Amino acid sequence: MELLKNDCLSVLSDSIKESTKENIKLSTQETKMPILDITCSMLIGEFPDSRRFWICFLDNTFSGAKVFILANAGSEPSIIEPFLNGDGIMTTARPEASAIAISARIVQRLQNQQWLNVK
């Protein structure tokens, strides 16, 4: 999914840098997602201490079904939940607006998990 790599990755990277001092490695892949073993496009984040998160775009679009998966340091993924499904802000025709909205919600979700050390 080129939109994920071209739009969302850089926006999320900037959003995370504004929210934390941690150096979080971000990447995109199209592979089988953890736990459910379904192939889809994913945005993947890994913290220096090995905590990981995945945003899985099940039908490879910003507006389609998405899943958020978390794994604590040294463990297998243990939290899986729907992410922004049915959310009207994701249906915009402008990919960059969708990337900004998705990135803001990812940062919010990581803050709720208390995974981001605030600057």
PDB file of N, CA and C in Angstrom:
ATOM      1  N   MET A   1       0.848  -1.182   0.000  1.00  0.00           N
ATOM      2  CA  MET A   1       0.000   0.000   0.000  1.00  0.00           C
ATOM      3  C   MET A   1       0.890   1.240   0.000  1.00  0.00           C
ATOM      4  N   GLU A   2       1.035   1.845  -1.134  1.00  0.00           N
ATOM      5  CA  GLU A   2       1.936   2.992  -1.285  1.00  0.00           C
ATOM      6  C   GLU A   2       1.518   4.187  -0.436  1.00  0.00           C
ATOM      7  N   LEU A   3       0.206   4.402  -0.269  1.00  0.00           N
ATOM      8  CA  LEU A   3      -0.246   5.528   0.550  1.00  0.00           C
ATOM      9  C   LEU A   3       0.274   5.411   1.975  1.00  0.00           C
ATOM     10  N   LEU A   4       0.301   4.208   2.479  1.00  0.00           N
ATOM     11  CA  LEU A   4       0.784   3.982   3.840  1.00  0.00           C
ATOM     12  C   LEU A   4       2.251   4.372   3.941  1.00  0.00           C
ATOM     13  N   LYS A   5       3.039   3.913   3.005  1.00  0.00           N
ATOM     14  CA  LYS A   5       4.477   4.199   3.021  1.00  0.00           C
ATOM     15  C   LYS A   5       4.760   5.664   2.707  1.00  0.00           C
ATOM     16  N   ASN A   6       4.090   6.208   1.712  1.00  0.00           N
ATOM     17  CA  ASN A   6       4.384   7.567   1.262  1.00  0.00           C
ATOM     18  C   ASN A   6       3.807   8.646   2.163  1.00  0.00           C
ATOM     19  N   ASP A   7       2.600   8.434   2.682  1.00  0.00           N
ATOM     20  CA  ASP A   7       1.932   9.481   3.452  1.00  0.00           C
ATOM     21  C   ASP A   7       1.991   9.251   4.958  1.00  0.00           C
ATOM     22  N   CYS A   8       1.564   8.110   5.391  1.00  0.00           N
ATOM     23  CA  CYS A   8       1.368   7.872   6.822  1.00  0.00           C
ATOM     24  C   CYS A   8       2.681   7.729   7.585  1.00  0.00           C
ATOM     25  N   LEU A   9       3.655   7.072   7.018  1.00  0.00           N
ATOM     26  CA  LEU A   9       4.902   6.799   7.726  1.00  0.00           C
ATOM     27  C   LEU A   9       5.611   8.086   8.147  1.00  0.00           C
ATOM     28  N   SER A  10       5.744   9.041   7.242  1.00  0.00           N
ATOM     29  CA  SER A  10       6.451  10.280   7.587  1.00  0.00           C
ATOM     30  C   SER A  10       5.641  11.138   8.556  1.00  0.00           C
ATOM     31  N   VAL A  11       4.315  11.170   8.373  1.00  0.00           N
ATOM     32  CA  VAL A  11       3.464  11.948   9.279  1.00  0.00           C
ATOM     33  C   VAL A  11       3.520  11.358  10.685  1.00  0.00           C
ATOM     34  N   LEU A  12       3.430  10.027  10.791  1.00  0.00           N
ATOM     35  CA  LEU A  12       3.491   9.382  12.103  1.00  0.00           C
ATOM     36  C   LEU A  12       4.852   9.601  12.752  1.00  0.00           C
ATOM     37  N   SER A  13       5.906   9.493  11.987  1.00  0.00           N
ATOM     38  CA  SER A  13       7.250   9.718  12.521  1.00  0.00           C
ATOM     39  C   SER A  13       7.360  11.114  13.130  1.00  0.00           C
ATOM     40  N   ASP A  14       6.878  12.124  12.420  1.00  0.00           N
ATOM     41  CA  ASP A  14       6.904  13.496  12.933  1.00  0.00           C
ATOM     42  C   ASP A  14       6.045  13.637  14.186  1.00  0.00           C
ATOM     43  N   SER A  15       4.860  13.029  14.179  1.00  0.00           N
ATOM     44  CA  SER A  15       3.954  13.112  15.335  1.00  0.00           C
ATOM     45  C   SER A  15       4.568  12.469  16.567  1.00  0.00           C
ATOM     46  N   ILE A  16       5.212  11.335  16.385  1.00  0.00           N
ATOM     47  CA  ILE A  16       5.834  10.646  17.517  1.00  0.00           C
ATOM     48  C   ILE A  16       7.012  11.450  18.048  1.00  0.00           C
ATOM     49  N   LYS A  17       7.809  12.036  17.155  1.00  0.00           N
ATOM     50  CA  LYS A  17       8.953  12.845  17.593  1.00  0.00           C
ATOM     51  C   LYS A  17       8.503  14.049  18.415  1.00  0.00           C
ATOM     52  N   GLU A  18       7.307  14.576  18.112  1.00  0.00           N
ATOM     53  CA  GLU A  18       6.760  15.693  18.878  1.00  0.00           C
ATOM     54  C   GLU A  18       6.248  15.245  20.242  1.00  0.00           C
ATOM     55  N   SER A  19       5.986  13.943  20.409  1.00  0.00           N
ATOM     56  CA  SER A  19       5.333  13.433  21.614  1.00  0.00           C
ATOM     57  C   SER A  19       6.256  12.720  22.592  1.00  0.00           C
ATOM     58  N   THR A  20       7.447  12.333  22.163  1.00  0.00           N
ATOM     59  CA  THR A  20       8.315  11.540  23.040  1.00  0.00           C
ATOM     60  C   THR A  20       9.782  11.718  22.672  1.00  0.00           C
ATOM     61  N   LYS A  21      10.631  11.400  23.624  1.00  0.00           N
ATOM     62  CA  LYS A  21      12.074  11.414  23.388  1.00  0.00           C
ATOM     63  C   LYS A  21      12.566  10.080  22.846  1.00  0.00           C
ATOM     64  N   GLU A  22      11.745   9.047  22.948  1.00  0.00           N
ATOM     65  CA  GLU A  22      12.163   7.708  22.529  1.00  0.00           C
ATOM     66  C   GLU A  22      12.344   7.622  21.018  1.00  0.00           C
ATOM     67  N   ASN A  23      13.318   6.843  20.617  1.00  0.00           N
ATOM     68  CA  ASN A  23      13.598   6.634  19.198  1.00  0.00           C
ATOM     69  C   ASN A  23      12.847   5.383  18.739  1.00  0.00           C
ATOM     70  N   ILE A  24      11.659   5.572  18.208  1.00  0.00           N
ATOM     71  CA  ILE A  24      10.806   4.458  17.805  1.00  0.00           C
ATOM     72  C   ILE A  24      11.043   4.163  16.327  1.00  0.00           C
ATOM     73  N   LYS A  25      11.389   2.928  16.044  1.00  0.00           N
ATOM     74  CA  LYS A  25      11.621   2.499  14.664  1.00  0.00           C
ATOM     75  C   LYS A  25      10.265   2.219  14.012  1.00  0.00           C
ATOM     76  N   LEU A  26      10.010   2.868  12.874  1.00  0.00           N
ATOM     77  CA  LEU A  26       8.754   2.684  12.146  1.00  0.00           C
ATOM     78  C   LEU A  26       9.030   2.085  10.776  1.00  0.00           C
ATOM     79  N   SER A  27       8.139   1.208  10.342  1.00  0.00           N
ATOM     80  CA  SER A  27       8.269   0.615   9.011  1.00  0.00           C
ATOM     81  C   SER A  27       6.890   0.207   8.504  1.00  0.00           C
ATOM     82  N   THR A  28       6.841  -0.112   7.231  1.00  0.00           N
ATOM     83  CA  THR A  28       5.616  -0.664   6.641  1.00  0.00           C
ATOM     84  C   THR A  28       5.962  -1.998   5.996  1.00  0.00           C
ATOM     85  N   GLN A  29       4.989  -2.886   5.999  1.00  0.00           N
ATOM     86  CA  GLN A  29       5.164  -4.200   5.380  1.00  0.00           C
ATOM     87  C   GLN A  29       3.817  -4.707   4.902  1.00  0.00           C
ATOM     88  N   GLU A  30       3.863  -5.586   3.935  1.00  0.00           N
ATOM     89  CA  GLU A  30       2.685  -6.368   3.588  1.00  0.00           C
ATOM     90  C   GLU A  30       3.053  -7.815   3.880  1.00  0.00           C
ATOM     91  N   THR A  31       2.493  -8.341   4.955  1.00  0.00           N
ATOM     92  CA  THR A  31       2.826  -9.681   5.427  1.00  0.00           C
ATOM     93  C   THR A  31       1.689 -10.184   6.308  1.00  0.00           C
ATOM     94  N   LYS A  32       1.858 -11.366   6.880  1.00  0.00           N
ATOM     95  CA  LYS A  32       0.831 -11.904   7.775  1.00  0.00           C
ATOM     96  C   LYS A  32       0.904 -11.181   9.113  1.00  0.00           C
ATOM     97  N   MET A  33      -0.256 -10.733   9.573  1.00  0.00           N
ATOM     98  CA  MET A  33      -0.290 -10.018  10.835  1.00  0.00           C
ATOM     99  C   MET A  33      -0.186 -10.982  12.012  1.00  0.00           C
ATOM    100  N   PRO A  34       0.368 -10.506  13.126  1.00  0.00           N
ATOM    101  CA  PRO A  34       0.468 -11.355  14.308  1.00  0.00           C
ATOM    102  C   PRO A  34      -0.918 -11.809  14.775  1.00  0.00           C
ATOM    103  N   ILE A  35      -0.980 -12.900  15.408  1.00  0.00           N
ATOM    104  CA  ILE A  35      -2.160 -13.495  16.031  1.00  0.00           C
ATOM    105  C   ILE A  35      -3.149 -14.043  15.012  1.00  0.00           C
ATOM    106  N   LEU A  36      -3.648 -13.211  14.103  1.00  0.00           N
ATOM    107  CA  LEU A  36      -4.726 -13.628  13.202  1.00  0.00           C
ATOM    108  C   LEU A  36      -4.246 -14.304  11.928  1.00  0.00           C
ATOM    109  N   ASP A  37      -2.973 -14.173  11.603  1.00  0.00           N
ATOM    110  CA  ASP A  37      -2.404 -14.848  10.435  1.00  0.00           C
ATOM    111  C   ASP A  37      -3.109 -14.483   9.126  1.00  0.00           C
ATOM    112  N   ILE A  38      -3.466 -13.201   9.002  1.00  0.00           N
ATOM    113  CA  ILE A  38      -4.107 -12.674   7.797  1.00  0.00           C
ATOM    114  C   ILE A  38      -3.102 -11.751   7.111  1.00  0.00           C
ATOM    115  N   THR A  39      -2.923 -11.887   5.809  1.00  0.00           N
ATOM    116  CA  THR A  39      -2.003 -11.021   5.079  1.00  0.00           C
ATOM    117  C   THR A  39      -2.658  -9.667   4.825  1.00  0.00           C
ATOM    118  N   CYS A  40      -1.931  -8.597   5.151  1.00  0.00           N
ATOM    119  CA  CYS A  40      -2.434  -7.240   4.932  1.00  0.00           C
ATOM    120  C   CYS A  40      -1.267  -6.255   4.999  1.00  0.00           C
ATOM    121  N   SER A  41      -1.554  -5.005   4.680  1.00  0.00           N
ATOM    122  CA  SER A  41      -0.567  -3.933   4.833  1.00  0.00           C
ATOM    123  C   SER A  41      -0.532  -3.512   6.293  1.00  0.00           C
ATOM    124  N   MET A  42       0.673  -3.273   6.797  1.00  0.00           N
ATOM    125  CA  MET A  42       0.830  -2.917   8.205  1.00  0.00           C
ATOM    126  C   MET A  42       1.807  -1.776   8.386  1.00  0.00           C
ATOM    127  N   LEU A  43       1.523  -0.962   9.370  1.00  0.00           N
ATOM    128  CA  LEU A  43       2.462   0.020   9.864  1.00  0.00           C
ATOM    129  C   LEU A  43       2.960  -0.550  11.186  1.00  0.00           C
ATOM    130  N   ILE A  44       4.266  -0.678  11.336  1.00  0.00           N
ATOM    131  CA  ILE A  44       4.853  -1.361  12.486  1.00  0.00           C
ATOM    132  C   ILE A  44       5.755  -0.394  13.238  1.00  0.00           C
ATOM    133  N   GLY A  45       5.632  -0.403  14.556  1.00  0.00           N
ATOM    134  CA  GLY A  45       6.494   0.413  15.406  1.00  0.00           C
ATOM    135  C   GLY A  45       7.193  -0.443  16.435  1.00  0.00           C
ATOM    136  N   GLU A  46       8.491  -0.161  16.651  1.00  0.00           N
ATOM    137  CA  GLU A  46       9.247  -0.895  17.667  1.00  0.00           C
ATOM    138  C   GLU A  46      10.032   0.085  18.525  1.00  0.00           C
ATOM    139  N   PHE A  47       9.822  -0.016  19.840  1.00  0.00           N
ATOM    140  CA  PHE A  47      10.514   0.819  20.804  1.00  0.00           C
ATOM    141  C   PHE A  47      11.893   0.232  21.095  1.00  0.00           C
ATOM    142  N   PRO A  48      12.823   1.045  21.614  1.00  0.00           N
ATOM    143  CA  PRO A  48      14.161   0.535  21.924  1.00  0.00           C
ATOM    144  C   PRO A  48      14.159  -0.651  22.894  1.00  0.00           C
ATOM    145  N   ASP A  49      13.165  -0.738  23.771  1.00  0.00           N
ATOM    146  CA  ASP A  49      13.106  -1.846  24.738  1.00  0.00           C
ATOM    147  C   ASP A  49      12.333  -3.051  24.201  1.00  0.00           C
ATOM    148  N   SER A  50      12.052  -3.066  22.917  1.00  0.00           N
ATOM    149  CA  SER A  50      11.383  -4.173  22.205  1.00  0.00           C
ATOM    150  C   SER A  50       9.864  -4.204  22.334  1.00  0.00           C
ATOM    151  N   ARG A  51       9.230  -3.189  22.939  1.00  0.00           N
ATOM    152  CA  ARG A  51       7.766  -3.108  22.847  1.00  0.00           C
ATOM    153  C   ARG A  51       7.429  -2.864  21.383  1.00  0.00           C
ATOM    154  N   ARG A  52       6.346  -3.464  20.917  1.00  0.00           N
ATOM    155  CA  ARG A  52       5.989  -3.336  19.504  1.00  0.00           C
ATOM    156  C   ARG A  52       4.498  -3.064  19.345  1.00  0.00           C
ATOM    157  N   PHE A  53       4.171  -2.380  18.238  1.00  0.00           N
ATOM    158  CA  PHE A  53       2.765  -2.217  17.873  1.00  0.00           C
ATOM    159  C   PHE A  53       2.628  -2.350  16.368  1.00  0.00           C
ATOM    160  N   TRP A  54       1.452  -2.786  15.952  1.00  0.00           N
ATOM    161  CA  TRP A  54       1.118  -2.948  14.544  1.00  0.00           C
ATOM    162  C   TRP A  54      -0.231  -2.299  14.305  1.00  0.00           C
ATOM    163  N   ILE A  55      -0.349  -1.535  13.224  1.00  0.00           N
ATOM    164  CA  ILE A  55      -1.647  -1.088  12.734  1.00  0.00           C
ATOM    165  C   ILE A  55      -1.845  -1.857  11.437  1.00  0.00           C
ATOM    166  N   CYS A  56      -2.847  -2.701  11.415  1.00  0.00           N
ATOM    167  CA  CYS A  56      -3.086  -3.588  10.274  1.00  0.00           C
ATOM    168  C   CYS A  56      -4.269  -3.066   9.470  1.00  0.00           C
ATOM    169  N   PHE A  57      -4.045  -2.820   8.201  1.00  0.00           N
ATOM    170  CA  PHE A  57      -5.068  -2.328   7.284  1.00  0.00           C
ATOM    171  C   PHE A  57      -5.591  -3.541   6.520  1.00  0.00           C
ATOM    172  N   LEU A  58      -6.692  -4.108   7.004  1.00  0.00           N
ATOM    173  CA  LEU A  58      -7.145  -5.414   6.539  1.00  0.00           C
ATOM    174  C   LEU A  58      -7.489  -5.457   5.062  1.00  0.00           C
ATOM    175  N   ASP A  59      -8.042  -4.367   4.526  1.00  0.00           N
ATOM    176  CA  ASP A  59      -8.336  -4.361   3.087  1.00  0.00           C
ATOM    177  C   ASP A  59      -7.431  -3.386   2.330  1.00  0.00           C
ATOM    178  N   ASN A  60      -6.309  -3.035   2.963  1.00  0.00           N
ATOM    179  CA  ASN A  60      -5.274  -2.209   2.332  1.00  0.00           C
ATOM    180  C   ASN A  60      -5.738  -0.816   1.922  1.00  0.00           C
ATOM    181  N   THR A  61      -6.680  -0.244   2.682  1.00  0.00           N
ATOM    182  CA  THR A  61      -7.112   1.136   2.457  1.00  0.00           C
ATOM    183  C   THR A  61      -7.167   1.864   3.793  1.00  0.00           C
ATOM    184  N   PHE A  62      -7.079   3.198   3.746  1.00  0.00           N
ATOM    185  CA  PHE A  62      -7.226   3.992   4.962  1.00  0.00           C
ATOM    186  C   PHE A  62      -8.638   3.887   5.524  1.00  0.00           C
ATOM    187  N   SER A  63      -9.630   3.814   4.655  1.00  0.00           N
ATOM    188  CA  SER A  63     -11.020   3.860   5.113  1.00  0.00           C
ATOM    189  C   SER A  63     -11.582   2.503   5.519  1.00  0.00           C
ATOM    190  N   GLY A  64     -10.886   1.422   5.221  1.00  0.00           N
ATOM    191  CA  GLY A  64     -11.392   0.087   5.542  1.00  0.00           C
ATOM    192  C   GLY A  64     -11.083  -0.340   6.969  1.00  0.00           C
ATOM    193  N   ALA A  65     -11.348  -1.596   7.254  1.00  0.00           N
ATOM    194  CA  ALA A  65     -11.142  -2.155   8.594  1.00  0.00           C
ATOM    195  C   ALA A  65      -9.665  -2.123   8.977  1.00  0.00           C
ATOM    196  N   LYS A  66      -9.425  -1.730  10.236  1.00  0.00           N
ATOM    197  CA  LYS A  66      -8.070  -1.661  10.773  1.00  0.00           C
ATOM    198  C   LYS A  66      -8.046  -2.329  12.143  1.00  0.00           C
ATOM    199  N   VAL A  67      -6.890  -2.895  12.495  1.00  0.00           N
ATOM    200  CA  VAL A  67      -6.705  -3.555  13.783  1.00  0.00           C
ATOM    201  C   VAL A  67      -5.428  -3.009  14.411  1.00  0.00           C
ATOM    202  N   PHE A  68      -5.468  -2.798  15.722  1.00  0.00           N
ATOM    203  CA  PHE A  68      -4.319  -2.331  16.497  1.00  0.00           C
ATOM    204  C   PHE A  68      -3.844  -3.494  17.350  1.00  0.00           C
ATOM    205  N   ILE A  69      -2.556  -3.828  17.274  1.00  0.00           N
ATOM    206  CA  ILE A  69      -1.992  -4.943  18.035  1.00  0.00           C
ATOM    207  C   ILE A  69      -0.796  -4.429  18.840  1.00  0.00           C
ATOM    208  N   LEU A  70      -0.702  -4.875  20.093  1.00  0.00           N
ATOM    209  CA  LEU A  70       0.391  -4.474  20.974  1.00  0.00           C
ATOM    210  C   LEU A  70       1.113  -5.691  21.533  1.00  0.00           C
ATOM    211  N   ALA A  71       2.419  -5.541  21.736  1.00  0.00           N
ATOM    212  CA  ALA A  71       3.216  -6.572  22.406  1.00  0.00           C
ATOM    213  C   ALA A  71       4.173  -5.880  23.366  1.00  0.00           C
ATOM    214  N   ASN A  72       4.140  -6.269  24.622  1.00  0.00           N
ATOM    215  CA  ASN A  72       5.081  -5.736  25.603  1.00  0.00           C
ATOM    216  C   ASN A  72       6.471  -6.293  25.335  1.00  0.00           C
ATOM    217  N   ALA A  73       7.462  -5.650  25.918  1.00  0.00           N
ATOM    218  CA  ALA A  73       8.853  -6.071  25.726  1.00  0.00           C
ATOM    219  C   ALA A  73       9.030  -7.535  26.102  1.00  0.00           C
ATOM    220  N   GLY A  74       9.643  -8.286  25.201  1.00  0.00           N
ATOM    221  CA  GLY A  74       9.955  -9.680  25.466  1.00  0.00           C
ATOM    222  C   GLY A  74       8.784 -10.636  25.415  1.00  0.00           C
ATOM    223  N   SER A  75       7.636 -10.187  24.932  1.00  0.00           N
ATOM    224  CA  SER A  75       6.488 -11.096  24.877  1.00  0.00           C
ATOM    225  C   SER A  75       5.819 -11.061  23.512  1.00  0.00           C
ATOM    226  N   GLU A  76       5.004 -12.053  23.293  1.00  0.00           N
ATOM    227  CA  GLU A  76       4.228 -12.145  22.063  1.00  0.00           C
ATOM    228  C   GLU A  76       3.089 -11.125  22.110  1.00  0.00           C
ATOM    229  N   PRO A  77       2.534 -10.743  20.964  1.00  0.00           N
ATOM    230  CA  PRO A  77       1.397  -9.824  20.960  1.00  0.00           C
ATOM    231  C   PRO A  77       0.268 -10.355  21.841  1.00  0.00           C
ATOM    232  N   SER A  78      -0.276  -9.460  22.665  1.00  0.00           N
ATOM    233  CA  SER A  78      -1.307  -9.897  23.600  1.00  0.00           C
ATOM    234  C   SER A  78      -2.565  -9.050  23.554  1.00  0.00           C
ATOM    235  N   ILE A  79      -2.503  -7.896  22.932  1.00  0.00           N
ATOM    236  CA  ILE A  79      -3.680  -7.034  22.824  1.00  0.00           C
ATOM    237  C   ILE A  79      -3.989  -6.851  21.353  1.00  0.00           C
ATOM    238  N   ILE A  80      -5.218  -7.139  20.988  1.00  0.00           N
ATOM    239  CA  ILE A  80      -5.687  -6.907  19.622  1.00  0.00           C
ATOM    240  C   ILE A  80      -7.056  -6.262  19.723  1.00  0.00           C
ATOM    241  N   GLU A  81      -7.219  -5.158  19.007  1.00  0.00           N
ATOM    242  CA  GLU A  81      -8.493  -4.446  19.085  1.00  0.00           C
ATOM    243  C   GLU A  81      -8.787  -3.740  17.772  1.00  0.00           C
ATOM    244  N   PRO A  82     -10.072  -3.520  17.485  1.00  0.00           N
ATOM    245  CA  PRO A  82     -10.433  -2.740  16.299  1.00  0.00           C
ATOM    246  C   PRO A  82      -9.857  -1.331  16.444  1.00  0.00           C
ATOM    247  N   PHE A  83      -9.526  -0.714  15.332  1.00  0.00           N
ATOM    248  CA  PHE A  83      -8.913   0.611  15.370  1.00  0.00           C
ATOM    249  C   PHE A  83      -9.548   1.498  14.315  1.00  0.00           C
ATOM    250  N   LEU A  84     -10.252   2.522  14.755  1.00  0.00           N
ATOM    251  CA  LEU A  84     -10.863   3.534  13.883  1.00  0.00           C
ATOM    252  C   LEU A  84     -11.835   2.951  12.860  1.00  0.00           C
ATOM    253  N   ASN A  85     -12.451   1.866  13.152  1.00  0.00           N
ATOM    254  CA  ASN A  85     -13.413   1.285  12.214  1.00  0.00           C
ATOM    255  C   ASN A  85     -14.734   2.031  12.310  1.00  0.00           C
ATOM    256  N   GLY A  86     -15.270   2.432  11.161  1.00  0.00           N
ATOM    257  CA  GLY A  86     -16.516   3.185  11.131  1.00  0.00           C
ATOM    258  C   GLY A  86     -16.346   4.639  11.507  1.00  0.00           C
ATOM    259  N   ASP A  87     -15.119   5.111  11.563  1.00  0.00           N
ATOM    260  CA  ASP A  87     -14.838   6.492  11.935  1.00  0.00           C
ATOM    261  C   ASP A  87     -14.883   7.368  10.689  1.00  0.00           C
ATOM    262  N   GLY A  88     -15.787   8.308  10.649  1.00  0.00           N
ATOM    263  CA  GLY A  88     -16.005   9.147   9.476  1.00  0.00           C
ATOM    264  C   GLY A  88     -14.801   9.936   9.018  1.00  0.00           C
ATOM    265  N   ILE A  89     -13.862  10.226   9.912  1.00  0.00           N
ATOM    266  CA  ILE A  89     -12.710  11.032   9.506  1.00  0.00           C
ATOM    267  C   ILE A  89     -11.781  10.274   8.574  1.00  0.00           C
ATOM    268  N   MET A  90     -11.957   8.985   8.464  1.00  0.00           N
ATOM    269  CA  MET A  90     -11.072   8.194   7.614  1.00  0.00           C
ATOM    270  C   MET A  90     -11.569   8.083   6.179  1.00  0.00           C
ATOM    271  N   THR A  91     -12.701   8.692   5.882  1.00  0.00           N
ATOM    272  CA  THR A  91     -13.268   8.540   4.543  1.00  0.00           C
ATOM    273  C   THR A  91     -12.953   9.720   3.627  1.00  0.00           C
ATOM    274  N   THR A  92     -12.060  10.576   4.029  1.00  0.00           N
ATOM    275  CA  THR A  92     -11.706  11.730   3.220  1.00  0.00           C
ATOM    276  C   THR A  92     -11.056  11.300   1.900  1.00  0.00           C
ATOM    277  N   ALA A  93     -11.278  12.085   0.872  1.00  0.00           N
ATOM    278  CA  ALA A  93     -10.680  11.792  -0.431  1.00  0.00           C
ATOM    279  C   ALA A  93      -9.208  12.218  -0.477  1.00  0.00           C
ATOM    280  N   ARG A  94      -8.772  12.957   0.525  1.00  0.00           N
ATOM    281  CA  ARG A  94      -7.385  13.438   0.558  1.00  0.00           C
ATOM    282  C   ARG A  94      -6.535  12.500   1.408  1.00  0.00           C
ATOM    283  N   PRO A  95      -5.655  11.712   0.808  1.00  0.00           N
ATOM    284  CA  PRO A  95      -4.841  10.758   1.568  1.00  0.00           C
ATOM    285  C   PRO A  95      -4.024  11.406   2.677  1.00  0.00           C
ATOM    286  N   GLU A  96      -3.510  12.616   2.435  1.00  0.00           N
ATOM    287  CA  GLU A  96      -2.694  13.261   3.460  1.00  0.00           C
ATOM    288  C   GLU A  96      -3.527  13.605   4.694  1.00  0.00           C
ATOM    289  N   ALA A  97      -4.796  13.949   4.511  1.00  0.00           N
ATOM    290  CA  ALA A  97      -5.671  14.219   5.655  1.00  0.00           C
ATOM    291  C   ALA A  97      -5.934  12.936   6.437  1.00  0.00           C
ATOM    292  N   SER A  98      -6.128  11.837   5.731  1.00  0.00           N
ATOM    293  CA  SER A  98      -6.305  10.546   6.405  1.00  0.00           C
ATOM    294  C   SER A  98      -5.048  10.160   7.170  1.00  0.00           C
ATOM    295  N   ALA A  99      -3.885  10.390   6.578  1.00  0.00           N
ATOM    296  CA  ALA A  99      -2.616  10.059   7.235  1.00  0.00           C
ATOM    297  C   ALA A  99      -2.451  10.859   8.522  1.00  0.00           C
ATOM    298  N   ILE A 100      -2.810  12.132   8.494  1.00  0.00           N
ATOM    299  CA  ILE A 100      -2.715  12.980   9.689  1.00  0.00           C
ATOM    300  C   ILE A 100      -3.667  12.482  10.766  1.00  0.00           C
ATOM    301  N   ALA A 101      -4.897  12.165  10.385  1.00  0.00           N
ATOM    302  CA  ALA A 101      -5.888  11.690  11.356  1.00  0.00           C
ATOM    303  C   ALA A 101      -5.483  10.348  11.957  1.00  0.00           C
ATOM    304  N   ILE A 102      -5.032   9.430  11.130  1.00  0.00           N
ATOM    305  CA  ILE A 102      -4.605   8.116  11.621  1.00  0.00           C
ATOM    306  C   ILE A 102      -3.405   8.269  12.551  1.00  0.00           C
ATOM    307  N   SER A 103      -2.445   9.090  12.167  1.00  0.00           N
ATOM    308  CA  SER A 103      -1.251   9.296  12.992  1.00  0.00           C
ATOM    309  C   SER A 103      -1.612   9.888  14.351  1.00  0.00           C
ATOM    310  N   ALA A 104      -2.517  10.851  14.366  1.00  0.00           N
ATOM    311  CA  ALA A 104      -2.941  11.457  15.632  1.00  0.00           C
ATOM    312  C   ALA A 104      -3.579  10.421  16.544  1.00  0.00           C
ATOM    313  N   ARG A 105      -4.381   9.545  15.980  1.00  0.00           N
ATOM    314  CA  ARG A 105      -5.038   8.505  16.785  1.00  0.00           C
ATOM    315  C   ARG A 105      -4.043   7.446  17.257  1.00  0.00           C
ATOM    316  N   ILE A 106      -3.031   7.150  16.461  1.00  0.00           N
ATOM    317  CA  ILE A 106      -2.003   6.198  16.901  1.00  0.00           C
ATOM    318  C   ILE A 106      -1.255   6.774  18.100  1.00  0.00           C
ATOM    319  N   VAL A 107      -0.854   8.030  18.005  1.00  0.00           N
ATOM    320  CA  VAL A 107      -0.159   8.678  19.121  1.00  0.00           C
ATOM    321  C   VAL A 107      -1.056   8.693  20.355  1.00  0.00           C
ATOM    322  N   GLN A 108      -2.321   9.029  20.178  1.00  0.00           N
ATOM    323  CA  GLN A 108      -3.266   9.033  21.296  1.00  0.00           C
ATOM    324  C   GLN A 108      -3.374   7.643  21.929  1.00  0.00           C
ATOM    325  N   ARG A 109      -3.453   6.614  21.106  1.00  0.00           N
ATOM    326  CA  ARG A 109      -3.570   5.244  21.619  1.00  0.00           C
ATOM    327  C   ARG A 109      -2.314   4.843  22.385  1.00  0.00           C
ATOM    328  N   LEU A 110      -1.143   5.201  21.876  1.00  0.00           N
ATOM    329  CA  LEU A 110       0.109   4.896  22.575  1.00  0.00           C
ATOM    330  C   LEU A 110       0.219   5.678  23.888  1.00  0.00           C
ATOM    331  N   GLN A 111      -0.275   6.913  23.910  1.00  0.00           N
ATOM    332  CA  GLN A 111      -0.295   7.683  25.152  1.00  0.00           C
ATOM    333  C   GLN A 111      -1.241   7.041  26.162  1.00  0.00           C
ATOM    334  N   ASN A 112      -2.397   6.581  25.708  1.00  0.00           N
ATOM    335  CA  ASN A 112      -3.346   5.904  26.597  1.00  0.00           C
ATOM    336  C   ASN A 112      -2.741   4.631  27.179  1.00  0.00           C
ATOM    337  N   GLN A 113      -1.902   3.972  26.422  1.00  0.00           N
ATOM    338  CA  GLN A 113      -1.215   2.761  26.873  1.00  0.00           C
ATOM    339  C   GLN A 113      -0.042   3.114  27.798  1.00  0.00           C
ATOM    340  N   GLN A 114       0.259   4.409  27.910  1.00  0.00           N
ATOM    341  CA  GLN A 114       1.381   4.942  28.680  1.00  0.00           C
ATOM    342  C   GLN A 114       2.717   4.437  28.135  1.00  0.00           C
ATOM    343  N   TRP A 115       2.780   4.340  26.814  1.00  0.00           N
ATOM    344  CA  TRP A 115       4.004   3.905  26.157  1.00  0.00           C
ATOM    345  C   TRP A 115       4.871   5.071  25.706  1.00  0.00           C
ATOM    346  N   LEU A 116       4.342   6.268  25.685  1.00  0.00           N
ATOM    347  CA  LEU A 116       5.130   7.415  25.238  1.00  0.00           C
ATOM    348  C   LEU A 116       5.578   8.224  26.445  1.00  0.00           C
ATOM    349  N   ASN A 117       6.883   8.408  26.582  1.00  0.00           N
ATOM    350  CA  ASN A 117       7.414   9.293  27.614  1.00  0.00           C
ATOM    351  C   ASN A 117       7.300  10.709  27.089  1.00  0.00           C
ATOM    352  N   VAL A 118       6.489  11.505  27.739  1.00  0.00           N
ATOM    353  CA  VAL A 118       6.228  12.859  27.265  1.00  0.00           C
ATOM    354  C   VAL A 118       7.500  13.689  27.365  1.00  0.00           C
ATOM    355  N   LYS A 119       7.727  14.505  26.332  1.00  0.00           N
ATOM    356  CA  LYS A 119       8.900  15.394  26.295  1.00  0.00           C
ATOM    357  C   LYS A 119       8.838  16.403  27.414  1.00  0.00           C
TER     358      LYS A 119
END
